Amino acid sequence: MGETGRPVLTAEHLTRRFGGVIALSDYRLNLEEGELLGLIGPNGAGKTTAFNLLTGVLPPSRGRILLDGTDLTGHRPERFAAVGIARTFQNIRLFKELTAWENVAVGYHMRHGPGWFATMLGLPSVRRRERAMRDWAAELLAAVGLGEAVDRRAGDLAYGDQRKLEIARALATEPRVLLLDEPAAGMNRTETGRLMETIAALHGSRDLTIVVVEHDMRLVMNLCRRIQVLNRGELLAEGTPAEIQANPAVIEAYLGSGRRRGDA
């Protein structure tokens, strides 16, 4: 399904319990390098739990998470980010008072920061890093269609542009795997279409491996080559968009028995 056949991110039998409630049960994933995977399901299906496990926000009750064969199970989110797993969130988490480029610089600094010693002494390396940081931020902002917003305050950007800014900030960490949590939430049809074009362009031009959780079926079905469907914490189905739209169990559980396949 992927571009190279090599698994980049692997989840083995991931399970997460909250007291007596099983939010995710025996979830499995072999995400290949260069793949663009969709993860869908009704509210409460376990999508956010899966994302939180795959980014270290939550530890699994059972199972393992591996990036390029390295076991990350039980590590903190900073470790996941440092080795190349970045994410956005369903609720926008920008620094609203900072400019667009300063928000992106936060991601850059995590990977390439000069360190406190050089910063305190004001060494030339710090100034070089700052120039490189701004150039890199400008490049990423242009890549998501925000090239004219470099010096604009994040809180003054339109809602759809704030979503794109979050993606640019995640890209600044130079991820191997990018997880997008409902990137089109709150967008109208036109904004969603533009976002879909942006994600497709980033995927094609930056050698990214991407997982998208999204309720907008038009975006998922047109963007992703492989889709997983969660329902009640379990993996219900997996396949191409056409296979998912034709799957009776998926139609019953999520798409709705009255929905025509062409409406997705």
C-alpha atoms as a PDB file:
ATOM      1  CA  MET A   1       0.000   0.000   0.000  1.00  0.00           C
ATOM      2  CA  GLY A   2       2.858   2.364   0.758  1.00  0.00           C
ATOM      3  CA  GLU A   3       5.627   3.728  -1.457  1.00  0.00           C
ATOM      4  CA  THR A   4       8.559   1.551  -0.424  1.00  0.00           C
ATOM      5  CA  GLY A   5       7.150  -1.469   1.393  1.00  0.00           C
ATOM      6  CA  ARG A   6       9.215  -0.591   4.477  1.00  0.00           C
ATOM      7  CA  PRO A   7       7.257  -0.064   7.712  1.00  0.00           C
ATOM      8  CA  VAL A   8       8.142   3.236   9.360  1.00  0.00           C
ATOM      9  CA  LEU A   9       5.642   3.258  12.208  1.00  0.00           C
ATOM     10  CA  THR A  10       4.381   0.021  13.713  1.00  0.00           C
ATOM     11  CA  ALA A  11       1.718  -0.534  16.356  1.00  0.00           C
ATOM     12  CA  GLU A  12       1.420  -4.013  17.810  1.00  0.00           C
ATOM     13  CA  HIS A  13      -1.739  -4.985  19.707  1.00  0.00           C
ATOM     14  CA  LEU A  14      -2.201  -1.506  21.199  1.00  0.00           C
ATOM     15  CA  THR A  15      -4.741  -1.486  23.990  1.00  0.00           C
ATOM     16  CA  ARG A  16      -5.711   1.330  26.339  1.00  0.00           C
ATOM     17  CA  ARG A  17      -7.953   0.970  29.361  1.00  0.00           C
ATOM     18  CA  PHE A  18      -9.416   3.758  31.486  1.00  0.00           C
ATOM     19  CA  GLY A  19     -10.512   1.932  34.603  1.00  0.00           C
ATOM     20  CA  GLY A  20     -13.006  -0.659  33.421  1.00  0.00           C
ATOM     21  CA  VAL A  21     -13.477   0.989  30.020  1.00  0.00           C
ATOM     22  CA  ILE A  22     -11.460  -0.237  27.045  1.00  0.00           C
ATOM     23  CA  ALA A  23     -11.006   2.793  24.771  1.00  0.00           C
ATOM     24  CA  LEU A  24      -8.833   0.941  22.250  1.00  0.00           C
ATOM     25  CA  SER A  25      -8.384  -2.797  21.882  1.00  0.00           C
ATOM     26  CA  ASP A  26      -5.702  -4.706  19.958  1.00  0.00           C
ATOM     27  CA  TYR A  27      -5.051  -1.916  17.438  1.00  0.00           C
ATOM     28  CA  ARG A  28      -2.519  -2.811  14.756  1.00  0.00           C
ATOM     29  CA  LEU A  29      -0.727  -0.644  12.226  1.00  0.00           C
ATOM     30  CA  ASN A  30       2.114  -1.099   9.758  1.00  0.00           C
ATOM     31  CA  LEU A  31       2.581   2.322   8.225  1.00  0.00           C
ATOM     32  CA  GLU A  32       4.840   2.234   5.211  1.00  0.00           C
ATOM     33  CA  GLU A  33       7.271   4.968   4.248  1.00  0.00           C
ATOM     34  CA  GLY A  34       5.602   7.573   2.024  1.00  0.00           C
ATOM     35  CA  GLU A  35       2.080   6.364   2.795  1.00  0.00           C
ATOM     36  CA  LEU A  36      -0.931   8.613   3.376  1.00  0.00           C
ATOM     37  CA  LEU A  37      -3.340   6.747   5.659  1.00  0.00           C
ATOM     38  CA  GLY A  38      -6.815   7.779   6.784  1.00  0.00           C
ATOM     39  CA  LEU A  39      -8.220   6.797  10.179  1.00  0.00           C
ATOM     40  CA  ILE A  40     -11.984   7.189  10.505  1.00  0.00           C
ATOM     41  CA  GLY A  41     -14.824   6.108  12.755  1.00  0.00           C
ATOM     42  CA  PRO A  42     -17.818   7.486  14.653  1.00  0.00           C
ATOM     43  CA  ASN A  43     -17.448   9.613  17.757  1.00  0.00           C
ATOM     44  CA  GLY A  44     -16.020   7.550  20.598  1.00  0.00           C
ATOM     45  CA  ALA A  45     -14.529   4.958  18.233  1.00  0.00           C
ATOM     46  CA  GLY A  46     -11.012   5.325  19.671  1.00  0.00           C
ATOM     47  CA  LYS A  47      -9.373   7.546  17.029  1.00  0.00           C
ATOM     48  CA  THR A  48      -8.077  10.169  19.446  1.00  0.00           C
ATOM     49  CA  THR A  49      -6.896   7.465  21.837  1.00  0.00           C
ATOM     50  CA  ALA A  50      -4.963   5.846  18.989  1.00  0.00           C
ATOM     51  CA  PHE A  51      -3.362   9.186  18.123  1.00  0.00           C
ATOM     52  CA  ASN A  52      -2.462   9.844  21.748  1.00  0.00           C
ATOM     53  CA  LEU A  53      -0.817   6.446  22.006  1.00  0.00           C
ATOM     54  CA  LEU A  54       1.082   6.850  18.717  1.00  0.00           C
ATOM     55  CA  THR A  55       2.518  10.191  19.889  1.00  0.00           C
ATOM     56  CA  GLY A  56       3.319   9.227  23.480  1.00  0.00           C
ATOM     57  CA  VAL A  57       0.636  11.405  25.068  1.00  0.00           C
ATOM     58  CA  LEU A  58      -0.756   8.238  26.655  1.00  0.00           C
ATOM     59  CA  PRO A  59       1.091   5.005  27.485  1.00  0.00           C
ATOM     60  CA  PRO A  60      -0.588   1.826  26.252  1.00  0.00           C
ATOM     61  CA  SER A  61      -2.048  -0.646  28.719  1.00  0.00           C
ATOM     62  CA  ARG A  62      -0.759  -3.324  26.369  1.00  0.00           C
ATOM     63  CA  GLY A  63       1.182  -3.487  23.112  1.00  0.00           C
ATOM     64  CA  ARG A  64       4.165  -1.787  21.520  1.00  0.00           C
ATOM     65  CA  ILE A  65       4.952   1.224  19.302  1.00  0.00           C
ATOM     66  CA  LEU A  66       8.013   1.166  17.063  1.00  0.00           C
ATOM     67  CA  LEU A  67       9.534   3.762  14.746  1.00  0.00           C
ATOM     68  CA  ASP A  68      11.978   2.245  12.258  1.00  0.00           C
ATOM     69  CA  GLY A  69      12.153  -0.762  14.554  1.00  0.00           C
ATOM     70  CA  THR A  70      13.039   1.259  17.672  1.00  0.00           C
ATOM     71  CA  ASP A  71      10.692   0.594  20.580  1.00  0.00           C
ATOM     72  CA  LEU A  72       9.166   3.852  21.861  1.00  0.00           C
ATOM     73  CA  THR A  73       6.634   2.262  24.193  1.00  0.00           C
ATOM     74  CA  GLY A  74       6.367   4.117  27.480  1.00  0.00           C
ATOM     75  CA  HIS A  75       8.502   7.094  26.432  1.00  0.00           C
ATOM     76  CA  ARG A  76       7.326  10.671  26.911  1.00  0.00           C
ATOM     77  CA  PRO A  77       5.898  12.753  24.010  1.00  0.00           C
ATOM     78  CA  GLU A  78       9.183  14.708  23.766  1.00  0.00           C
ATOM     79  CA  ARG A  79      10.973  11.505  22.851  1.00  0.00           C
ATOM     80  CA  PHE A  80       8.407  10.697  20.144  1.00  0.00           C
ATOM     81  CA  ALA A  81       8.823  14.202  18.707  1.00  0.00           C
ATOM     82  CA  ALA A  82      12.608  14.057  18.886  1.00  0.00           C
ATOM     83  CA  VAL A  83      12.822  10.847  16.851  1.00  0.00           C
ATOM     84  CA  GLY A  84      10.425  12.072  14.181  1.00  0.00           C
ATOM     85  CA  ILE A  85       6.736  11.783  15.112  1.00  0.00           C
ATOM     86  CA  ALA A  86       4.874  15.100  14.913  1.00  0.00           C
ATOM     87  CA  ARG A  87       1.182  15.887  15.248  1.00  0.00           C
ATOM     88  CA  THR A  88      -1.459  18.570  15.147  1.00  0.00           C
ATOM     89  CA  PHE A  89      -4.459  18.669  17.469  1.00  0.00           C
ATOM     90  CA  GLN A  90      -8.202  18.764  16.945  1.00  0.00           C
ATOM     91  CA  ASN A  91      -8.335  21.999  18.946  1.00  0.00           C
ATOM     92  CA  ILE A  92      -5.978  24.696  17.681  1.00  0.00           C
ATOM     93  CA  ARG A  93      -2.985  25.133  19.995  1.00  0.00           C
ATOM     94  CA  LEU A  94      -1.095  28.064  18.532  1.00  0.00           C
ATOM     95  CA  PHE A  95       0.687  30.820  20.416  1.00  0.00           C
ATOM     96  CA  LYS A  96      -1.848  33.454  19.398  1.00  0.00           C
ATOM     97  CA  GLU A  97       0.260  36.457  20.453  1.00  0.00           C
ATOM     98  CA  LEU A  98       3.287  35.368  18.422  1.00  0.00           C
ATOM     99  CA  THR A  99       3.719  35.868  14.706  1.00  0.00           C
ATOM    100  CA  ALA A 100       3.292  33.065  12.202  1.00  0.00           C
ATOM    101  CA  TRP A 101       7.040  32.630  11.761  1.00  0.00           C
ATOM    102  CA  GLU A 102       7.619  32.654  15.526  1.00  0.00           C
ATOM    103  CA  ASN A 103       5.097  29.826  15.920  1.00  0.00           C
ATOM    104  CA  VAL A 104       6.932  27.795  13.293  1.00  0.00           C
ATOM    105  CA  ALA A 105      10.247  28.641  14.973  1.00  0.00           C
ATOM    106  CA  VAL A 106       9.063  26.790  18.082  1.00  0.00           C
ATOM    107  CA  GLY A 107       9.123  23.552  16.093  1.00  0.00           C
ATOM    108  CA  TYR A 108      12.469  24.398  14.504  1.00  0.00           C
ATOM    109  CA  HIS A 109      14.020  25.202  17.860  1.00  0.00           C
ATOM    110  CA  MET A 110      13.132  21.768  19.221  1.00  0.00           C
ATOM    111  CA  ARG A 111      15.309  20.196  16.527  1.00  0.00           C
ATOM    112  CA  HIS A 112      18.012  22.808  15.948  1.00  0.00           C
ATOM    113  CA  GLY A 113      18.111  25.114  18.967  1.00  0.00           C
ATOM    114  CA  PRO A 114      21.614  26.489  19.750  1.00  0.00           C
ATOM    115  CA  GLY A 115      21.441  25.615  23.448  1.00  0.00           C
ATOM    116  CA  TRP A 116      21.284  27.833  26.503  1.00  0.00           C
ATOM    117  CA  PHE A 117      25.068  28.332  26.816  1.00  0.00           C
ATOM    118  CA  ALA A 118      25.506  29.795  23.328  1.00  0.00           C
ATOM    119  CA  THR A 119      22.350  31.864  23.764  1.00  0.00           C
ATOM    120  CA  MET A 120      23.460  33.351  27.077  1.00  0.00           C
ATOM    121  CA  LEU A 121      26.840  34.360  25.583  1.00  0.00           C
ATOM    122  CA  GLY A 122      25.315  35.728  22.400  1.00  0.00           C
ATOM    123  CA  LEU A 123      27.702  33.719  20.250  1.00  0.00           C
ATOM    124  CA  PRO A 124      27.712  34.229  16.455  1.00  0.00           C
ATOM    125  CA  SER A 125      26.290  30.726  16.081  1.00  0.00           C
ATOM    126  CA  VAL A 126      23.112  31.949  17.764  1.00  0.00           C
ATOM    127  CA  ARG A 127      22.614  34.717  15.186  1.00  0.00           C
ATOM    128  CA  ARG A 128      23.264  32.273  12.364  1.00  0.00           C
ATOM    129  CA  ARG A 129      20.699  29.907  13.834  1.00  0.00           C
ATOM    130  CA  GLU A 130      18.162  32.697  14.099  1.00  0.00           C
ATOM    131  CA  ARG A 131      18.600  33.629  10.436  1.00  0.00           C
ATOM    132  CA  ALA A 132      18.324  29.986   9.403  1.00  0.00           C
ATOM    133  CA  MET A 133      15.251  29.597  11.595  1.00  0.00           C
ATOM    134  CA  ARG A 134      13.468  32.515   9.969  1.00  0.00           C
ATOM    135  CA  ASP A 135      14.374  31.327   6.457  1.00  0.00           C
ATOM    136  CA  TRP A 136      13.109  27.816   7.247  1.00  0.00           C
ATOM    137  CA  ALA A 137       9.902  29.196   8.746  1.00  0.00           C
ATOM    138  CA  ALA A 138       9.281  31.348   5.680  1.00  0.00           C
ATOM    139  CA  GLU A 139       9.799  28.329   3.409  1.00  0.00           C
ATOM    140  CA  LEU A 140       7.331  26.181   5.360  1.00  0.00           C
ATOM    141  CA  LEU A 141       4.757  28.956   5.546  1.00  0.00           C
ATOM    142  CA  ALA A 142       4.972  29.355   1.779  1.00  0.00           C
ATOM    143  CA  ALA A 143       4.546  25.590   1.386  1.00  0.00           C
ATOM    144  CA  VAL A 144       1.194  25.700   3.208  1.00  0.00           C
ATOM    145  CA  GLY A 145       0.002  28.818   1.408  1.00  0.00           C
ATOM    146  CA  LEU A 146       0.882  31.352   4.107  1.00  0.00           C
ATOM    147  CA  GLY A 147       3.843  33.010   2.436  1.00  0.00           C
ATOM    148  CA  GLU A 148       2.310  36.464   2.895  1.00  0.00           C
ATOM    149  CA  ALA A 149       1.574  35.901   6.588  1.00  0.00           C
ATOM    150  CA  VAL A 150       5.125  35.527   7.910  1.00  0.00           C
ATOM    151  CA  ASP A 151       4.943  38.551  10.207  1.00  0.00           C
ATOM    152  CA  ARG A 152       1.248  38.434  10.980  1.00  0.00           C
ATOM    153  CA  ARG A 153       0.081  37.642  14.482  1.00  0.00           C
ATOM    154  CA  ALA A 154      -1.238  34.068  14.637  1.00  0.00           C
ATOM    155  CA  GLY A 155      -4.400  35.144  16.450  1.00  0.00           C
ATOM    156  CA  ASP A 156      -5.254  37.524  13.589  1.00  0.00           C
ATOM    157  CA  LEU A 157      -5.197  34.817  10.940  1.00  0.00           C
ATOM    158  CA  ALA A 158      -8.414  33.355   9.537  1.00  0.00           C
ATOM    159  CA  TYR A 159      -9.487  30.068  11.078  1.00  0.00           C
ATOM    160  CA  GLY A 160      -8.444  27.994   8.061  1.00  0.00           C
ATOM    161  CA  ASP A 161      -5.049  29.695   7.968  1.00  0.00           C
ATOM    162  CA  GLN A 162      -4.519  28.923  11.650  1.00  0.00           C
ATOM    163  CA  ARG A 163      -5.052  25.272  10.795  1.00  0.00           C
ATOM    164  CA  LYS A 164      -2.398  25.522   8.095  1.00  0.00           C
ATOM    165  CA  LEU A 165      -0.049  27.287  10.507  1.00  0.00           C
ATOM    166  CA  GLU A 166      -0.316  24.330  12.878  1.00  0.00           C
ATOM    167  CA  ILE A 167       0.744  22.025  10.052  1.00  0.00           C
ATOM    168  CA  ALA A 168       3.710  24.278   9.231  1.00  0.00           C
ATOM    169  CA  ARG A 169       4.792  24.253  12.872  1.00  0.00           C
ATOM    170  CA  ALA A 170       4.625  20.450  12.969  1.00  0.00           C
ATOM    171  CA  LEU A 171       6.656  20.276   9.743  1.00  0.00           C
ATOM    172  CA  ALA A 172       9.361  22.432  11.327  1.00  0.00           C
ATOM    173  CA  THR A 173      10.321  19.484  13.540  1.00  0.00           C
ATOM    174  CA  GLU A 174      11.294  17.576  10.349  1.00  0.00           C
ATOM    175  CA  PRO A 175       9.088  14.572  11.107  1.00  0.00           C
ATOM    176  CA  ARG A 176       9.340  11.102   9.642  1.00  0.00           C
ATOM    177  CA  VAL A 177       5.636  10.678  10.377  1.00  0.00           C
ATOM    178  CA  LEU A 178       3.052  13.477  10.544  1.00  0.00           C
ATOM    179  CA  LEU A 179      -0.259  12.823  12.309  1.00  0.00           C
ATOM    180  CA  LEU A 180      -3.075  15.263  11.535  1.00  0.00           C
ATOM    181  CA  ASP A 181      -5.964  15.233  14.010  1.00  0.00           C
ATOM    182  CA  GLU A 182      -9.109  16.481  12.221  1.00  0.00           C
ATOM    183  CA  PRO A 183      -7.292  19.188  10.230  1.00  0.00           C
ATOM    184  CA  ALA A 184     -10.516  20.235   8.462  1.00  0.00           C
ATOM    185  CA  ALA A 185     -12.593  20.606  11.643  1.00  0.00           C
ATOM    186  CA  GLY A 186     -14.716  23.759  11.445  1.00  0.00           C
ATOM    187  CA  MET A 187     -13.894  24.457   7.802  1.00  0.00           C
ATOM    188  CA  ASN A 188     -16.392  25.042   5.022  1.00  0.00           C
ATOM    189  CA  ARG A 189     -16.326  23.048   1.791  1.00  0.00           C
ATOM    190  CA  THR A 190     -14.086  25.526  -0.034  1.00  0.00           C
ATOM    191  CA  GLU A 191     -11.575  25.716   2.813  1.00  0.00           C
ATOM    192  CA  THR A 192     -11.552  21.922   3.084  1.00  0.00           C
ATOM    193  CA  GLY A 193     -10.830  21.608  -0.617  1.00  0.00           C
ATOM    194  CA  ARG A 194      -7.868  23.975  -0.340  1.00  0.00           C
ATOM    195  CA  LEU A 195      -6.568  22.134   2.698  1.00  0.00           C
ATOM    196  CA  MET A 196      -6.821  18.828   0.850  1.00  0.00           C
ATOM    197  CA  GLU A 197      -4.728  20.289  -1.979  1.00  0.00           C
ATOM    198  CA  THR A 198      -2.163  21.544   0.546  1.00  0.00           C
ATOM    199  CA  ILE A 199      -1.819  18.166   2.270  1.00  0.00           C
ATOM    200  CA  ALA A 200      -1.555  16.360  -1.072  1.00  0.00           C
ATOM    201  CA  ALA A 201       1.150  18.777  -2.242  1.00  0.00           C
ATOM    202  CA  LEU A 202       3.134  18.423   0.997  1.00  0.00           C
ATOM    203  CA  HIS A 203       2.881  14.656   0.804  1.00  0.00           C
ATOM    204  CA  GLY A 204       4.113  14.608  -2.767  1.00  0.00           C
ATOM    205  CA  SER A 205       6.913  17.148  -2.459  1.00  0.00           C
ATOM    206  CA  ARG A 206       8.391  16.480   0.995  1.00  0.00           C
ATOM    207  CA  ASP A 207       8.570  12.689   1.150  1.00  0.00           C
ATOM    208  CA  LEU A 208       6.195  12.668   4.110  1.00  0.00           C
ATOM    209  CA  THR A 209       4.433   9.750   5.735  1.00  0.00           C
ATOM    210  CA  ILE A 210       1.052  10.998   6.966  1.00  0.00           C
ATOM    211  CA  VAL A 211      -1.859   9.712   9.050  1.00  0.00           C
ATOM    212  CA  VAL A 212      -5.084  11.729   8.954  1.00  0.00           C
ATOM    213  CA  VAL A 213      -7.974  11.450  11.399  1.00  0.00           C
ATOM    214  CA  GLU A 214     -10.940  13.220   9.853  1.00  0.00           C
ATOM    215  CA  HIS A 215     -14.738  13.237   9.847  1.00  0.00           C
ATOM    216  CA  ASP A 216     -14.954  14.857   6.406  1.00  0.00           C
ATOM    217  CA  MET A 217     -15.417  11.837   4.160  1.00  0.00           C
ATOM    218  CA  ARG A 218     -14.799  13.780   0.968  1.00  0.00           C
ATOM    219  CA  LEU A 219     -11.337  14.730   2.191  1.00  0.00           C
ATOM    220  CA  VAL A 220     -10.443  11.234   3.397  1.00  0.00           C
ATOM    221  CA  MET A 221     -11.775   9.353   0.381  1.00  0.00           C
ATOM    222  CA  ASN A 222     -10.084  11.656  -2.119  1.00  0.00           C
ATOM    223  CA  LEU A 223      -6.798  12.081  -0.259  1.00  0.00           C
ATOM    224  CA  CYS A 224      -5.906   8.691   1.251  1.00  0.00           C
ATOM    225  CA  ARG A 225      -4.910   5.502  -0.520  1.00  0.00           C
ATOM    226  CA  ARG A 226      -5.567   3.304   2.499  1.00  0.00           C
ATOM    227  CA  ILE A 227      -8.136   3.759   5.240  1.00  0.00           C
ATOM    228  CA  GLN A 228      -8.626   2.140   8.622  1.00  0.00           C
ATOM    229  CA  VAL A 229     -12.024   2.203  10.319  1.00  0.00           C
ATOM    230  CA  LEU A 230     -12.362   2.069  14.101  1.00  0.00           C
ATOM    231  CA  ASN A 231     -15.611   1.298  15.871  1.00  0.00           C
ATOM    232  CA  ARG A 232     -16.071   0.940  19.635  1.00  0.00           C
ATOM    233  CA  GLY A 233     -12.319   0.799  20.129  1.00  0.00           C
ATOM    234  CA  GLU A 234     -11.695  -1.996  17.642  1.00  0.00           C
ATOM    235  CA  LEU A 235     -10.353  -2.091  14.098  1.00  0.00           C
ATOM    236  CA  LEU A 236     -13.487  -2.748  12.061  1.00  0.00           C
ATOM    237  CA  ALA A 237     -12.132  -2.612   8.506  1.00  0.00           C
ATOM    238  CA  GLU A 238      -9.106  -1.666   6.419  1.00  0.00           C
ATOM    239  CA  GLY A 239      -8.684  -1.129   2.708  1.00  0.00           C
ATOM    240  CA  THR A 240      -8.809   1.263  -0.212  1.00  0.00           C
ATOM    241  CA  PRO A 241     -11.426   4.039  -0.281  1.00  0.00           C
ATOM    242  CA  ALA A 242     -13.539   2.008  -2.697  1.00  0.00           C
ATOM    243  CA  GLU A 243     -13.363  -1.072  -0.461  1.00  0.00           C
ATOM    244  CA  ILE A 244     -14.269   0.937   2.624  1.00  0.00           C
ATOM    245  CA  GLN A 245     -17.245   2.615   0.965  1.00  0.00           C
ATOM    246  CA  ALA A 246     -18.543  -0.765  -0.192  1.00  0.00           C
ATOM    247  CA  ASN A 247     -18.035  -2.541   3.163  1.00  0.00           C
ATOM    248  CA  PRO A 248     -21.454  -3.357   4.710  1.00  0.00           C
ATOM    249  CA  ALA A 249     -20.090  -3.266   8.273  1.00  0.00           C
ATOM    250  CA  VAL A 250     -18.638   0.204   7.707  1.00  0.00           C
ATOM    251  CA  ILE A 251     -21.827   1.465   6.115  1.00  0.00           C
ATOM    252  CA  GLU A 252     -23.840   0.249   9.078  1.00  0.00           C
ATOM    253  CA  ALA A 253     -21.451   1.504  11.745  1.00  0.00           C
ATOM    254  CA  TYR A 254     -20.341   4.804  10.320  1.00  0.00           C
ATOM    255  CA  LEU A 255     -21.219   5.885   6.808  1.00  0.00           C
ATOM    256  CA  GLY A 256     -24.920   5.252   7.331  1.00  0.00           C
ATOM    257  CA  SER A 257     -27.088   2.773   5.470  1.00  0.00           C
ATOM    258  CA  GLY A 258     -28.838   5.568   3.584  1.00  0.00           C
ATOM    259  CA  ARG A 259     -25.666   7.186   2.267  1.00  0.00           C
ATOM    260  CA  ARG A 260     -24.816   6.615  -1.354  1.00  0.00           C
ATOM    261  CA  ARG A 261     -21.200   5.784  -2.006  1.00  0.00           C
ATOM    262  CA  GLY A 262     -20.817   8.746  -4.342  1.00  0.00           C
ATOM    263  CA  ASP A 263     -21.780  11.141  -1.539  1.00  0.00           C
ATOM    264  CA  ALA A 264     -18.718  10.386   0.587  1.00  0.00           C
END
